[in-house]
Amino acid sequence: MKDYYGILEVHEKASPEIIEKAYKTLVKKYHPDLYSTVEKKEAEIKLKDINEAYHILSDSFLRSQYDLEIQKERNRAQTQTTENSYRENTRNNQQNTTQKGNQNTLKNKRKKTKTESVENKNNVGTIYGLIDLMKNIWDSKPQKRKRKKMNQTDFLAIGLTIIVVLIIGVILWFIPFTNGWMRQLLFENPIFDIIGGLFS
């Protein structure tokens, strides 16, 4: 992303009057007619950037949008720096533990790194913070239980469900405006024809 404030050589908090004054000064300074043929192209490119920067910064809405984008870019850069320092710290910790060659120390450092990464406020909102959170959730998850066999209460629940469905079907059969639909479902449906053929 282009630094429009840098192009116009003004501060980010500059007022519209200062931006306009800087724009006019730079237009006079880099006007292509003031330069020879070799420098003229460079001046034209510079003037194009100056006009683009002034167009964005002179409009209050476009400037506010641009400022938001700058802030997002800075936040991304800060997050990237935090992630890089986290990687570097992790790499250094691993090198230290491998040099010592002590497995107990290695386990303690891993636990310490996990707890530090969860508690570390710099990792909140980063991909590494999310990874550490998911690892902790996974580690604290109870072991997978074996599938239990169906007992009497399960069979009772299934039986009650079937009885309730049959009762609802009988009720719908005797209601006049649903009777036609129930007849169509039972007597014109090929699935029920096959089931009826099994019992006849």
C-alpha atoms as a PDB file:
ATOM      1  CA  MET A   1       0.000   0.000   0.000  1.00  0.00           C
ATOM      2  CA  LYS A   2       1.308   3.434  -0.955  1.00  0.00           C
ATOM      3  CA  ASP A   3       2.187   5.878   1.806  1.00  0.00           C
ATOM      4  CA  TYR A   4       0.152   8.884   0.680  1.00  0.00           C
ATOM      5  CA  TYR A   5       1.209  10.919   3.706  1.00  0.00           C
ATOM      6  CA  GLY A   6       4.830  10.267   2.814  1.00  0.00           C
ATOM      7  CA  ILE A   7       4.226  11.197  -0.812  1.00  0.00           C
ATOM      8  CA  LEU A   8       2.736  14.551   0.215  1.00  0.00           C
ATOM      9  CA  GLU A   9       5.383  14.902   2.952  1.00  0.00           C
ATOM     10  CA  VAL A  10       2.818  15.597   5.679  1.00  0.00           C
ATOM     11  CA  HIS A  11       2.020  14.089   9.084  1.00  0.00           C
ATOM     12  CA  GLU A  12      -0.886  11.629   9.426  1.00  0.00           C
ATOM     13  CA  LYS A  13      -2.746  14.079  11.668  1.00  0.00           C
ATOM     14  CA  ALA A  14      -2.282  16.981   9.213  1.00  0.00           C
ATOM     15  CA  SER A  15      -5.301  19.220   8.625  1.00  0.00           C
ATOM     16  CA  PRO A  16      -6.902  19.527   5.155  1.00  0.00           C
ATOM     17  CA  GLU A  17      -5.376  23.015   4.779  1.00  0.00           C
ATOM     18  CA  ILE A  18      -1.834  21.706   5.365  1.00  0.00           C
ATOM     19  CA  ILE A  19      -2.446  18.829   2.928  1.00  0.00           C
ATOM     20  CA  GLU A  20      -3.652  21.261   0.260  1.00  0.00           C
ATOM     21  CA  LYS A  21      -0.681  23.574   0.818  1.00  0.00           C
ATOM     22  CA  ALA A  22       1.773  20.628   0.608  1.00  0.00           C
ATOM     23  CA  TYR A  23       0.050  19.427  -2.570  1.00  0.00           C
ATOM     24  CA  LYS A  24       0.358  22.815  -4.279  1.00  0.00           C
ATOM     25  CA  THR A  25       4.020  23.123  -3.275  1.00  0.00           C
ATOM     26  CA  LEU A  26       4.853  19.656  -4.618  1.00  0.00           C
ATOM     27  CA  VAL A  27       2.939  20.218  -7.866  1.00  0.00           C
ATOM     28  CA  LYS A  28       5.046  23.318  -8.520  1.00  0.00           C
ATOM     29  CA  LYS A  29       8.237  21.499  -7.556  1.00  0.00           C
ATOM     30  CA  TYR A  30       7.670  18.396  -9.742  1.00  0.00           C
ATOM     31  CA  HIS A  31       5.877  19.957 -12.710  1.00  0.00           C
ATOM     32  CA  PRO A  32       7.195  18.113 -15.827  1.00  0.00           C
ATOM     33  CA  ASP A  33       7.750  21.349 -17.785  1.00  0.00           C
ATOM     34  CA  LEU A  34      10.552  22.286 -15.371  1.00  0.00           C
ATOM     35  CA  TYR A  35      12.656  19.208 -16.248  1.00  0.00           C
ATOM     36  CA  SER A  36      14.648  17.941 -19.210  1.00  0.00           C
ATOM     37  CA  THR A  37      13.558  14.922 -21.248  1.00  0.00           C
ATOM     38  CA  VAL A  38      15.326  12.347 -19.051  1.00  0.00           C
ATOM     39  CA  GLU A  39      14.046  13.750 -15.768  1.00  0.00           C
ATOM     40  CA  LYS A  40      10.656  14.621 -17.238  1.00  0.00           C
ATOM     41  CA  LYS A  41       9.405  11.001 -17.050  1.00  0.00           C
ATOM     42  CA  GLU A  42      10.411  10.702 -13.401  1.00  0.00           C
ATOM     43  CA  ALA A  43       8.670  14.002 -12.649  1.00  0.00           C
ATOM     44  CA  GLU A  44       5.510  12.798 -14.434  1.00  0.00           C
ATOM     45  CA  ILE A  45       5.468   9.596 -12.344  1.00  0.00           C
ATOM     46  CA  LYS A  46       6.068  11.583  -9.174  1.00  0.00           C
ATOM     47  CA  LEU A  47       3.317  14.066 -10.104  1.00  0.00           C
ATOM     48  CA  LYS A  48       0.914  11.200 -10.801  1.00  0.00           C
ATOM     49  CA  ASP A  49       1.570   9.812  -7.295  1.00  0.00           C
ATOM     50  CA  ILE A  50       1.122  13.296  -5.787  1.00  0.00           C
ATOM     51  CA  ASN A  51      -2.251  13.734  -7.543  1.00  0.00           C
ATOM     52  CA  GLU A  52      -3.384  10.283  -6.418  1.00  0.00           C
ATOM     53  CA  ALA A  53      -2.355  10.990  -2.823  1.00  0.00           C
ATOM     54  CA  TYR A  54      -4.114  14.359  -2.830  1.00  0.00           C
ATOM     55  CA  HIS A  55      -7.268  12.810  -4.314  1.00  0.00           C
ATOM     56  CA  ILE A  56      -7.434  10.311  -1.412  1.00  0.00           C
ATOM     57  CA  LEU A  57      -6.382  12.607   1.430  1.00  0.00           C
ATOM     58  CA  SER A  58      -8.459  15.619   0.392  1.00  0.00           C
ATOM     59  CA  ASP A  59     -11.701  13.593   0.525  1.00  0.00           C
ATOM     60  CA  SER A  60     -12.694  13.012   4.174  1.00  0.00           C
ATOM     61  CA  PHE A  61     -14.435   9.660   3.483  1.00  0.00           C
ATOM     62  CA  LEU A  62     -11.598   8.269   1.350  1.00  0.00           C
ATOM     63  CA  ARG A  63      -9.066   9.470   3.914  1.00  0.00           C
ATOM     64  CA  SER A  64     -10.886   7.727   6.769  1.00  0.00           C
ATOM     65  CA  GLN A  65     -11.018   4.501   4.736  1.00  0.00           C
ATOM     66  CA  TYR A  66      -7.322   4.836   3.918  1.00  0.00           C
ATOM     67  CA  ASP A  67      -6.493   5.409   7.608  1.00  0.00           C
ATOM     68  CA  LEU A  68      -8.420   2.252   8.520  1.00  0.00           C
ATOM     69  CA  GLU A  69      -6.448   0.254   5.945  1.00  0.00           C
ATOM     70  CA  ILE A  70      -3.163   1.640   7.296  1.00  0.00           C
ATOM     71  CA  GLN A  71      -4.189   0.612  10.833  1.00  0.00           C
ATOM     72  CA  LYS A  72      -5.108  -2.899   9.645  1.00  0.00           C
ATOM     73  CA  GLU A  73      -1.767  -3.218   7.865  1.00  0.00           C
ATOM     74  CA  ARG A  74       0.104  -2.119  10.988  1.00  0.00           C
ATOM     75  CA  ASN A  75      -1.839  -4.605  13.107  1.00  0.00           C
ATOM     76  CA  ARG A  76      -0.977  -7.370  10.621  1.00  0.00           C
ATOM     77  CA  ALA A  77       2.693  -6.396  10.763  1.00  0.00           C
ATOM     78  CA  GLN A  78       2.619  -6.356  14.574  1.00  0.00           C
ATOM     79  CA  THR A  79       0.940  -9.783  14.613  1.00  0.00           C
ATOM     80  CA  GLN A  80       3.569 -11.105  12.199  1.00  0.00           C
ATOM     81  CA  THR A  81       6.343  -9.730  14.420  1.00  0.00           C
ATOM     82  CA  THR A  82       4.761 -11.372  17.473  1.00  0.00           C
ATOM     83  CA  GLU A  83       4.451 -14.673  15.630  1.00  0.00           C
ATOM     84  CA  ASN A  84       8.073 -14.488  14.465  1.00  0.00           C
ATOM     85  CA  SER A  85       9.301 -13.776  18.006  1.00  0.00           C
ATOM     86  CA  TYR A  86       7.161 -16.652  19.290  1.00  0.00           C
ATOM     87  CA  ARG A  87       8.714 -18.986  16.693  1.00  0.00           C
ATOM     88  CA  GLU A  88      12.185 -17.746  17.575  1.00  0.00           C
ATOM     89  CA  ASN A  89      11.557 -18.273  21.307  1.00  0.00           C
ATOM     90  CA  THR A  90      10.172 -21.744  20.637  1.00  0.00           C
ATOM     91  CA  ARG A  91      13.170 -22.607  18.441  1.00  0.00           C
ATOM     92  CA  ASN A  92      15.596 -21.353  21.107  1.00  0.00           C
ATOM     93  CA  ASN A  93      13.789 -23.326  23.818  1.00  0.00           C
ATOM     94  CA  GLN A  94      13.969 -26.492  21.722  1.00  0.00           C
ATOM     95  CA  GLN A  95      17.684 -26.008  21.028  1.00  0.00           C
ATOM     96  CA  ASN A  96      18.381 -25.481  24.734  1.00  0.00           C
ATOM     97  CA  THR A  97      16.475 -28.612  25.720  1.00  0.00           C
ATOM     98  CA  THR A  98      18.136 -30.792  23.054  1.00  0.00           C
ATOM     99  CA  GLN A  99      21.577 -29.599  24.156  1.00  0.00           C
ATOM    100  CA  LYS A 100      20.856 -30.640  27.717  1.00  0.00           C
ATOM    101  CA  GLY A 101      19.505 -33.976  26.555  1.00  0.00           C
ATOM    102  CA  ASN A 102      17.298 -34.364  29.591  1.00  0.00           C
ATOM    103  CA  GLN A 103      13.814 -35.661  28.786  1.00  0.00           C
ATOM    104  CA  ASN A 104      12.333 -34.476  32.076  1.00  0.00           C
ATOM    105  CA  THR A 105      13.580 -30.973  31.408  1.00  0.00           C
ATOM    106  CA  LEU A 106      12.141 -31.198  27.897  1.00  0.00           C
ATOM    107  CA  LYS A 107       8.718 -32.189  29.231  1.00  0.00           C
ATOM    108  CA  ASN A 108       8.760 -29.402  31.810  1.00  0.00           C
ATOM    109  CA  LYS A 109       9.721 -26.824  29.179  1.00  0.00           C
ATOM    110  CA  ARG A 110       6.923 -28.001  26.856  1.00  0.00           C
ATOM    111  CA  LYS A 111       4.392 -27.705  29.667  1.00  0.00           C
ATOM    112  CA  LYS A 112       5.789 -24.292  30.552  1.00  0.00           C
ATOM    113  CA  THR A 113       5.641 -23.187  26.903  1.00  0.00           C
ATOM    114  CA  LYS A 114       2.021 -24.366  26.651  1.00  0.00           C
ATOM    115  CA  THR A 115       0.923 -22.549  29.780  1.00  0.00           C
ATOM    116  CA  GLU A 116       2.894 -19.442  28.816  1.00  0.00           C
ATOM    117  CA  SER A 117       1.403 -19.404  25.331  1.00  0.00           C
ATOM    118  CA  VAL A 118      -2.144 -19.699  26.686  1.00  0.00           C
ATOM    119  CA  GLU A 119      -1.565 -17.021  29.322  1.00  0.00           C
ATOM    120  CA  ASN A 120       0.546 -14.792  27.089  1.00  0.00           C
ATOM    121  CA  LYS A 121      -1.597 -11.846  26.027  1.00  0.00           C
ATOM    122  CA  ASN A 122       0.572 -11.217  22.973  1.00  0.00           C
ATOM    123  CA  ASN A 123      -0.657 -14.497  21.439  1.00  0.00           C
ATOM    124  CA  VAL A 124      -4.351 -13.727  21.880  1.00  0.00           C
ATOM    125  CA  GLY A 125      -5.883 -13.401  18.431  1.00  0.00           C
ATOM    126  CA  THR A 126      -2.919 -14.984  16.629  1.00  0.00           C
ATOM    127  CA  ILE A 127      -2.806 -18.337  14.892  1.00  0.00           C
ATOM    128  CA  TYR A 128      -0.326 -19.664  17.466  1.00  0.00           C
ATOM    129  CA  GLY A 129      -2.597 -18.696  20.330  1.00  0.00           C
ATOM    130  CA  LEU A 130      -5.442 -20.585  18.634  1.00  0.00           C
ATOM    131  CA  ILE A 131      -3.237 -23.647  18.048  1.00  0.00           C
ATOM    132  CA  ASP A 132      -2.180 -23.698  21.709  1.00  0.00           C
ATOM    133  CA  LEU A 133      -5.790 -23.362  22.831  1.00  0.00           C
ATOM    134  CA  MET A 134      -6.855 -26.297  20.618  1.00  0.00           C
ATOM    135  CA  LYS A 135      -3.953 -28.434  21.937  1.00  0.00           C
ATOM    136  CA  ASN A 136      -4.988 -27.732  25.543  1.00  0.00           C
ATOM    137  CA  ILE A 137      -8.616 -28.584  24.780  1.00  0.00           C
ATOM    138  CA  TRP A 138      -7.546 -31.796  23.040  1.00  0.00           C
ATOM    139  CA  ASP A 139      -5.242 -32.806  25.920  1.00  0.00           C
ATOM    140  CA  SER A 140      -7.955 -32.197  28.521  1.00  0.00           C
ATOM    141  CA  LYS A 141     -10.541 -34.173  26.518  1.00  0.00           C
ATOM    142  CA  PRO A 142     -11.687 -37.393  28.266  1.00  0.00           C
ATOM    143  CA  GLN A 143     -10.675 -40.703  26.718  1.00  0.00           C
ATOM    144  CA  LYS A 144     -12.998 -42.216  24.129  1.00  0.00           C
ATOM    145  CA  ARG A 145     -15.512 -44.487  25.760  1.00  0.00           C
ATOM    146  CA  LYS A 146     -16.427 -47.869  24.369  1.00  0.00           C
ATOM    147  CA  ARG A 147     -19.825 -48.056  22.774  1.00  0.00           C
ATOM    148  CA  LYS A 148     -22.237 -49.461  25.303  1.00  0.00           C
ATOM    149  CA  LYS A 149     -24.753 -52.163  24.516  1.00  0.00           C
ATOM    150  CA  MET A 150     -28.414 -51.294  24.345  1.00  0.00           C
ATOM    151  CA  ASN A 151     -30.194 -51.914  27.622  1.00  0.00           C
ATOM    152  CA  GLN A 152     -33.853 -52.217  28.602  1.00  0.00           C
ATOM    153  CA  THR A 153     -34.458 -48.472  28.803  1.00  0.00           C
ATOM    154  CA  ASP A 154     -33.213 -48.050  25.201  1.00  0.00           C
ATOM    155  CA  PHE A 155     -35.612 -50.738  23.958  1.00  0.00           C
ATOM    156  CA  LEU A 156     -38.411 -49.160  25.997  1.00  0.00           C
ATOM    157  CA  ALA A 157     -37.733 -45.751  24.419  1.00  0.00           C
ATOM    158  CA  ILE A 158     -37.780 -47.237  20.902  1.00  0.00           C
ATOM    159  CA  GLY A 159     -41.022 -49.092  21.648  1.00  0.00           C
ATOM    160  CA  LEU A 160     -42.705 -45.970  23.042  1.00  0.00           C
ATOM    161  CA  THR A 161     -41.636 -43.983  19.954  1.00  0.00           C
ATOM    162  CA  ILE A 162     -43.224 -46.564  17.637  1.00  0.00           C
ATOM    163  CA  ILE A 163     -46.459 -46.567  19.684  1.00  0.00           C
ATOM    164  CA  VAL A 164     -46.651 -42.733  19.615  1.00  0.00           C
ATOM    165  CA  VAL A 165     -46.139 -42.701  15.817  1.00  0.00           C
ATOM    166  CA  LEU A 166     -48.906 -45.295  15.374  1.00  0.00           C
ATOM    167  CA  ILE A 167     -51.296 -43.327  17.608  1.00  0.00           C
ATOM    168  CA  ILE A 168     -50.615 -40.144  15.615  1.00  0.00           C
ATOM    169  CA  GLY A 169     -51.265 -42.104  12.384  1.00  0.00           C
ATOM    170  CA  VAL A 170     -54.622 -43.385  13.698  1.00  0.00           C
ATOM    171  CA  ILE A 171     -55.622 -39.861  14.784  1.00  0.00           C
ATOM    172  CA  LEU A 172     -54.726 -38.471  11.350  1.00  0.00           C
ATOM    173  CA  TRP A 173     -56.765 -41.280   9.722  1.00  0.00           C
ATOM    174  CA  PHE A 174     -59.939 -40.192  11.508  1.00  0.00           C
ATOM    175  CA  ILE A 175     -59.550 -36.436  10.896  1.00  0.00           C
ATOM    176  CA  PRO A 176     -61.559 -35.649   7.713  1.00  0.00           C
ATOM    177  CA  PHE A 177     -59.120 -33.279   5.968  1.00  0.00           C
ATOM    178  CA  THR A 178     -56.078 -35.544   6.589  1.00  0.00           C
ATOM    179  CA  ASN A 179     -57.884 -38.807   5.755  1.00  0.00           C
ATOM    180  CA  GLY A 180     -57.364 -38.410   1.987  1.00  0.00           C
ATOM    181  CA  TRP A 181     -53.676 -37.744   2.477  1.00  0.00           C
ATOM    182  CA  MET A 182     -53.312 -40.808   4.750  1.00  0.00           C
ATOM    183  CA  ARG A 183     -55.143 -43.030   2.196  1.00  0.00           C
ATOM    184  CA  GLN A 184     -52.850 -41.769  -0.549  1.00  0.00           C
ATOM    185  CA  LEU A 185     -49.783 -42.389   1.649  1.00  0.00           C
ATOM    186  CA  LEU A 186     -50.839 -45.931   2.600  1.00  0.00           C
ATOM    187  CA  PHE A 187     -52.516 -47.271  -0.562  1.00  0.00           C
ATOM    188  CA  GLU A 188     -50.770 -45.443  -3.415  1.00  0.00           C
ATOM    189  CA  ASN A 189     -47.209 -45.514  -2.089  1.00  0.00           C
ATOM    190  CA  PRO A 190     -45.043 -48.267  -3.691  1.00  0.00           C
ATOM    191  CA  ILE A 191     -43.114 -48.822  -0.451  1.00  0.00           C
ATOM    192  CA  PHE A 192     -46.307 -49.699   1.430  1.00  0.00           C
ATOM    193  CA  ASP A 193     -47.415 -51.904  -1.497  1.00  0.00           C
ATOM    194  CA  ILE A 194     -44.195 -53.925  -1.088  1.00  0.00           C
ATOM    195  CA  ILE A 195     -44.689 -54.153   2.705  1.00  0.00           C
ATOM    196  CA  GLY A 196     -48.348 -55.186   2.199  1.00  0.00           C
ATOM    197  CA  GLY A 197     -47.238 -57.859  -0.316  1.00  0.00           C
ATOM    198  CA  LEU A 198     -44.959 -59.370   2.318  1.00  0.00           C
ATOM    199  CA  PHE A 199     -47.872 -59.940   4.711  1.00  0.00           C
ATOM    200  CA  SER A 200     -50.446 -61.142   2.158  1.00  0.00           C
END
